[in-house]
Amino acid sequence: MIEESLTALAAAGGGAVVAAMATDAWQVTRDGVVRLFRGRAEVEGRLDEDAALVAGAEDTDEARQALVPAWALRLRALLTEHPEYADELRALIRDTPGGQHSVQHNTAHDNGLVFGVQHGNIVFHQSPEPRPDA
C-alpha cells in the first residue's frame, strides 16, 4: 500500500512539474525540484532541456503529456531511495500553481462504453437487456 501511494505521489508530482513548464510558475517550480533532488546537476540539466522542449513545441499540451511519465519515473526513483522526501514533494505539488493539473483520455471502440471522472464520483446503473420472450 505504501508503494502504491508513493507511485501515485510521484505521478502527481510529474504532472505538476511538467504542467508548470513554459509558464510564469516555472522558475519557482524548477527551484523546488532542484531542492528536492538536492541540487543534482543532471536533474537541473534535464529540467532545462524539457522546459525548452515544451516552450518550443507547436502543441505545448502534447509535449507536456509526453514528458509526464518520465518525470513521474524520476520522482518515483527518488522516493524509493528517499521515502522521507514524500512530504517535501507533497508541498511542491501543493505550492505549484496548477499543481493539481490532471489529464484524462477515454476511448471506446465498437459497441464499448467508457465513463470517466476526475475529482468526484460516477454512478452508473444499467438496466438488464430485455428478454426476447418478454
C-alpha atoms as a PDB file:
ATOM      1  CA  MET A   1       0.000   0.000   0.000  1.00  0.00           C
ATOM      2  CA  ILE A   2       2.835   2.407   0.818  1.00  0.00           C
ATOM      3  CA  GLU A   3       4.489   1.647  -2.512  1.00  0.00           C
ATOM      4  CA  GLU A   4       1.225   2.395  -4.353  1.00  0.00           C
ATOM      5  CA  SER A   5       0.852   5.726  -2.575  1.00  0.00           C
ATOM      6  CA  LEU A   6       4.441   6.694  -3.446  1.00  0.00           C
ATOM      7  CA  THR A   7       3.760   5.777  -7.071  1.00  0.00           C
ATOM      8  CA  ALA A   8       0.630   7.926  -7.062  1.00  0.00           C
ATOM      9  CA  LEU A   9       2.517  10.769  -5.394  1.00  0.00           C
ATOM     10  CA  ALA A  10       5.296  10.531  -7.992  1.00  0.00           C
ATOM     11  CA  ALA A  11       2.726  10.589 -10.807  1.00  0.00           C
ATOM     12  CA  ALA A  12       1.086  13.686  -9.331  1.00  0.00           C
ATOM     13  CA  GLY A  13       4.492  15.289  -8.908  1.00  0.00           C
ATOM     14  CA  GLY A  14       5.435  14.526 -12.502  1.00  0.00           C
ATOM     15  CA  GLY A  15       2.207  16.133 -13.665  1.00  0.00           C
ATOM     16  CA  ALA A  16       2.770  19.225 -11.530  1.00  0.00           C
ATOM     17  CA  VAL A  17       6.367  19.697 -12.655  1.00  0.00           C
ATOM     18  CA  VAL A  18       5.529  19.361 -16.322  1.00  0.00           C
ATOM     19  CA  ALA A  19       2.373  21.489 -16.053  1.00  0.00           C
ATOM     20  CA  ALA A  20       4.490  24.393 -14.808  1.00  0.00           C
ATOM     21  CA  MET A  21       6.952  24.229 -17.722  1.00  0.00           C
ATOM     22  CA  ALA A  22       6.752  27.242 -20.048  1.00  0.00           C
ATOM     23  CA  THR A  23       4.501  29.130 -17.610  1.00  0.00           C
ATOM     24  CA  ASP A  24       5.040  32.014 -15.194  1.00  0.00           C
ATOM     25  CA  ALA A  25       5.288  29.440 -12.388  1.00  0.00           C
ATOM     26  CA  TRP A  26       8.225  27.624 -13.963  1.00  0.00           C
ATOM     27  CA  GLN A  27      11.147  29.210 -12.119  1.00  0.00           C
ATOM     28  CA  VAL A  28       9.617  28.639  -8.680  1.00  0.00           C
ATOM     29  CA  THR A  29       8.685  25.064  -9.585  1.00  0.00           C
ATOM     30  CA  ARG A  30      12.126  24.412 -11.108  1.00  0.00           C
ATOM     31  CA  ASP A  31      13.827  25.677  -7.950  1.00  0.00           C
ATOM     32  CA  GLY A  32      11.625  23.390  -5.835  1.00  0.00           C
ATOM     33  CA  VAL A  33      12.508  20.344  -7.925  1.00  0.00           C
ATOM     34  CA  VAL A  34      16.218  21.172  -7.750  1.00  0.00           C
ATOM     35  CA  ARG A  35      15.925  21.398  -3.943  1.00  0.00           C
ATOM     36  CA  LEU A  36      14.028  18.108  -3.847  1.00  0.00           C
ATOM     37  CA  PHE A  37      16.800  16.369  -5.810  1.00  0.00           C
ATOM     38  CA  ARG A  38      19.388  18.091  -3.609  1.00  0.00           C
ATOM     39  CA  GLY A  39      20.942  20.076  -6.439  1.00  0.00           C
ATOM     40  CA  ARG A  40      21.903  17.173  -8.694  1.00  0.00           C
ATOM     41  CA  ALA A  41      23.347  18.767 -11.832  1.00  0.00           C
ATOM     42  CA  GLU A  42      21.851  16.156 -14.157  1.00  0.00           C
ATOM     43  CA  VAL A  43      18.367  16.992 -12.850  1.00  0.00           C
ATOM     44  CA  GLU A  44      18.889  20.704 -13.441  1.00  0.00           C
ATOM     45  CA  GLY A  45      20.019  19.981 -17.000  1.00  0.00           C
ATOM     46  CA  ARG A  46      17.034  17.719 -17.675  1.00  0.00           C
ATOM     47  CA  LEU A  47      14.620  20.305 -16.277  1.00  0.00           C
ATOM     48  CA  ASP A  48      16.053  22.987 -18.545  1.00  0.00           C
ATOM     49  CA  GLU A  49      16.038  20.728 -21.613  1.00  0.00           C
ATOM     50  CA  ASP A  50      12.473  19.577 -21.040  1.00  0.00           C
ATOM     51  CA  ALA A  51      11.208  23.092 -20.350  1.00  0.00           C
ATOM     52  CA  ALA A  52      12.834  24.225 -23.608  1.00  0.00           C
ATOM     53  CA  LEU A  53      11.109  21.372 -25.446  1.00  0.00           C
ATOM     54  CA  VAL A  54       7.733  22.450 -24.070  1.00  0.00           C
ATOM     55  CA  ALA A  55       8.367  26.133 -24.797  1.00  0.00           C
ATOM     56  CA  GLY A  56       9.376  25.358 -28.381  1.00  0.00           C
ATOM     57  CA  ALA A  57       6.631  22.843 -29.090  1.00  0.00           C
ATOM     58  CA  GLU A  58       3.893  23.586 -31.551  1.00  0.00           C
ATOM     59  CA  ASP A  59       1.450  21.848 -29.190  1.00  0.00           C
ATOM     60  CA  THR A  60       2.613  22.500 -25.618  1.00  0.00           C
ATOM     61  CA  ASP A  61      -0.078  20.265 -24.080  1.00  0.00           C
ATOM     62  CA  GLU A  62       1.047  17.327 -26.198  1.00  0.00           C
ATOM     63  CA  ALA A  63       4.679  17.975 -25.256  1.00  0.00           C
ATOM     64  CA  ARG A  64       3.760  18.098 -21.576  1.00  0.00           C
ATOM     65  CA  GLN A  65       1.789  14.851 -21.793  1.00  0.00           C
ATOM     66  CA  ALA A  66       4.794  13.141 -23.349  1.00  0.00           C
ATOM     67  CA  LEU A  67       7.065  14.289 -20.503  1.00  0.00           C
ATOM     68  CA  VAL A  68       4.844  13.412 -17.526  1.00  0.00           C
ATOM     69  CA  PRO A  69       5.739   9.688 -17.404  1.00  0.00           C
ATOM     70  CA  ALA A  70       9.473  10.424 -17.441  1.00  0.00           C
ATOM     71  CA  TRP A  71       9.200  12.875 -14.552  1.00  0.00           C
ATOM     72  CA  ALA A  72       6.919  10.515 -12.646  1.00  0.00           C
ATOM     73  CA  LEU A  73       9.561   7.812 -13.079  1.00  0.00           C
ATOM     74  CA  ARG A  74      12.362  10.096 -11.881  1.00  0.00           C
ATOM     75  CA  LEU A  75      10.345  11.139  -8.850  1.00  0.00           C
ATOM     76  CA  ARG A  76       9.386   7.532  -8.107  1.00  0.00           C
ATOM     77  CA  ALA A  77      13.060   6.524  -8.154  1.00  0.00           C
ATOM     78  CA  LEU A  78      13.881   9.401  -5.805  1.00  0.00           C
ATOM     79  CA  LEU A  79      11.092   8.420  -3.395  1.00  0.00           C
ATOM     80  CA  THR A  80      12.173   4.786  -3.478  1.00  0.00           C
ATOM     81  CA  GLU A  81      15.654   5.849  -2.422  1.00  0.00           C
ATOM     82  CA  HIS A  82      14.437   8.562  -0.037  1.00  0.00           C
ATOM     83  CA  PRO A  83      10.840   7.977   1.118  1.00  0.00           C
ATOM     84  CA  GLU A  84      11.388  10.728   3.684  1.00  0.00           C
ATOM     85  CA  TYR A  85      11.170  13.243   0.791  1.00  0.00           C
ATOM     86  CA  ALA A  86       7.465  12.465   0.282  1.00  0.00           C
ATOM     87  CA  ASP A  87       6.216  15.387   2.371  1.00  0.00           C
ATOM     88  CA  GLU A  88       8.537  17.745   0.536  1.00  0.00           C
ATOM     89  CA  LEU A  89       7.131  16.544  -2.796  1.00  0.00           C
ATOM     90  CA  ARG A  90       3.569  16.954  -1.498  1.00  0.00           C
ATOM     91  CA  ALA A  91       4.396  20.556  -0.570  1.00  0.00           C
ATOM     92  CA  LEU A  92       5.892  21.165  -4.010  1.00  0.00           C
ATOM     93  CA  ILE A  93       2.726  19.846  -5.664  1.00  0.00           C
ATOM     94  CA  ARG A  94       0.513  21.901  -3.367  1.00  0.00           C
ATOM     95  CA  ASP A  95       2.511  25.088  -3.932  1.00  0.00           C
ATOM     96  CA  THR A  96       2.834  24.727  -7.697  1.00  0.00           C
ATOM     97  CA  PRO A  97       0.203  26.819  -9.472  1.00  0.00           C
ATOM     98  CA  GLY A  98      -1.765  24.298 -11.445  1.00  0.00           C
ATOM     99  CA  GLY A  99      -0.185  21.522  -9.410  1.00  0.00           C
ATOM    100  CA  GLN A 100      -3.479  19.714  -9.320  1.00  0.00           C
ATOM    101  CA  HIS A 101      -3.386  19.501 -13.120  1.00  0.00           C
ATOM    102  CA  SER A 102      -4.998  16.355 -14.455  1.00  0.00           C
ATOM    103  CA  VAL A 103      -5.282  14.905 -17.918  1.00  0.00           C
ATOM    104  CA  GLN A 104      -7.604  12.103 -18.807  1.00  0.00           C
ATOM    105  CA  HIS A 105      -8.178  10.381 -22.143  1.00  0.00           C
ATOM    106  CA  ASN A 106     -11.042   7.942 -22.576  1.00  0.00           C
ATOM    107  CA  THR A 107     -11.697   5.957 -25.721  1.00  0.00           C
ATOM    108  CA  ALA A 108     -14.415   3.474 -26.549  1.00  0.00           C
ATOM    109  CA  HIS A 109     -14.467   1.405 -29.703  1.00  0.00           C
ATOM    110  CA  ASP A 110     -17.185  -0.508 -31.467  1.00  0.00           C
ATOM    111  CA  ASN A 111     -20.045  -1.012 -29.010  1.00  0.00           C
ATOM    112  CA  GLY A 112     -17.937  -0.203 -25.966  1.00  0.00           C
ATOM    113  CA  LEU A 113     -18.849   2.197 -23.235  1.00  0.00           C
ATOM    114  CA  VAL A 114     -16.443   4.417 -21.372  1.00  0.00           C
ATOM    115  CA  PHE A 115     -17.058   6.521 -18.303  1.00  0.00           C
ATOM    116  CA  GLY A 116     -14.532   8.891 -16.841  1.00  0.00           C
ATOM    117  CA  VAL A 117     -14.498  11.197 -13.878  1.00  0.00           C
ATOM    118  CA  GLN A 118     -11.865  13.218 -12.087  1.00  0.00           C
ATOM    119  CA  HIS A 119     -12.109  14.620  -8.589  1.00  0.00           C
ATOM    120  CA  GLY A 120     -15.542  13.165  -7.984  1.00  0.00           C
ATOM    121  CA  ASN A 121     -17.722  10.121  -8.324  1.00  0.00           C
ATOM    122  CA  ILE A 122     -19.644   8.403 -11.033  1.00  0.00           C
ATOM    123  CA  VAL A 123     -22.655   6.203 -10.500  1.00  0.00           C
ATOM    124  CA  PHE A 124     -23.915   4.147 -13.401  1.00  0.00           C
ATOM    125  CA  HIS A 125     -26.988   1.934 -13.389  1.00  0.00           C
ATOM    126  CA  GLN A 126     -27.695  -0.185 -16.414  1.00  0.00           C
ATOM    127  CA  SER A 127     -30.971  -1.967 -16.928  1.00  0.00           C
ATOM    128  CA  PRO A 128     -30.679  -5.595 -17.897  1.00  0.00           C
ATOM    129  CA  GLU A 129     -31.192  -6.416 -21.550  1.00  0.00           C
ATOM    130  CA  PRO A 130     -34.850  -7.211 -22.248  1.00  0.00           C
ATOM    131  CA  ARG A 131     -35.509 -10.888 -22.738  1.00  0.00           C
ATOM    132  CA  PRO A 132     -36.595 -11.845 -26.260  1.00  0.00           C
ATOM    133  CA  ASP A 133     -39.666 -13.725 -24.951  1.00  0.00           C
ATOM    134  CA  ALA A 134     -40.912 -10.826 -22.862  1.00  0.00           C
END
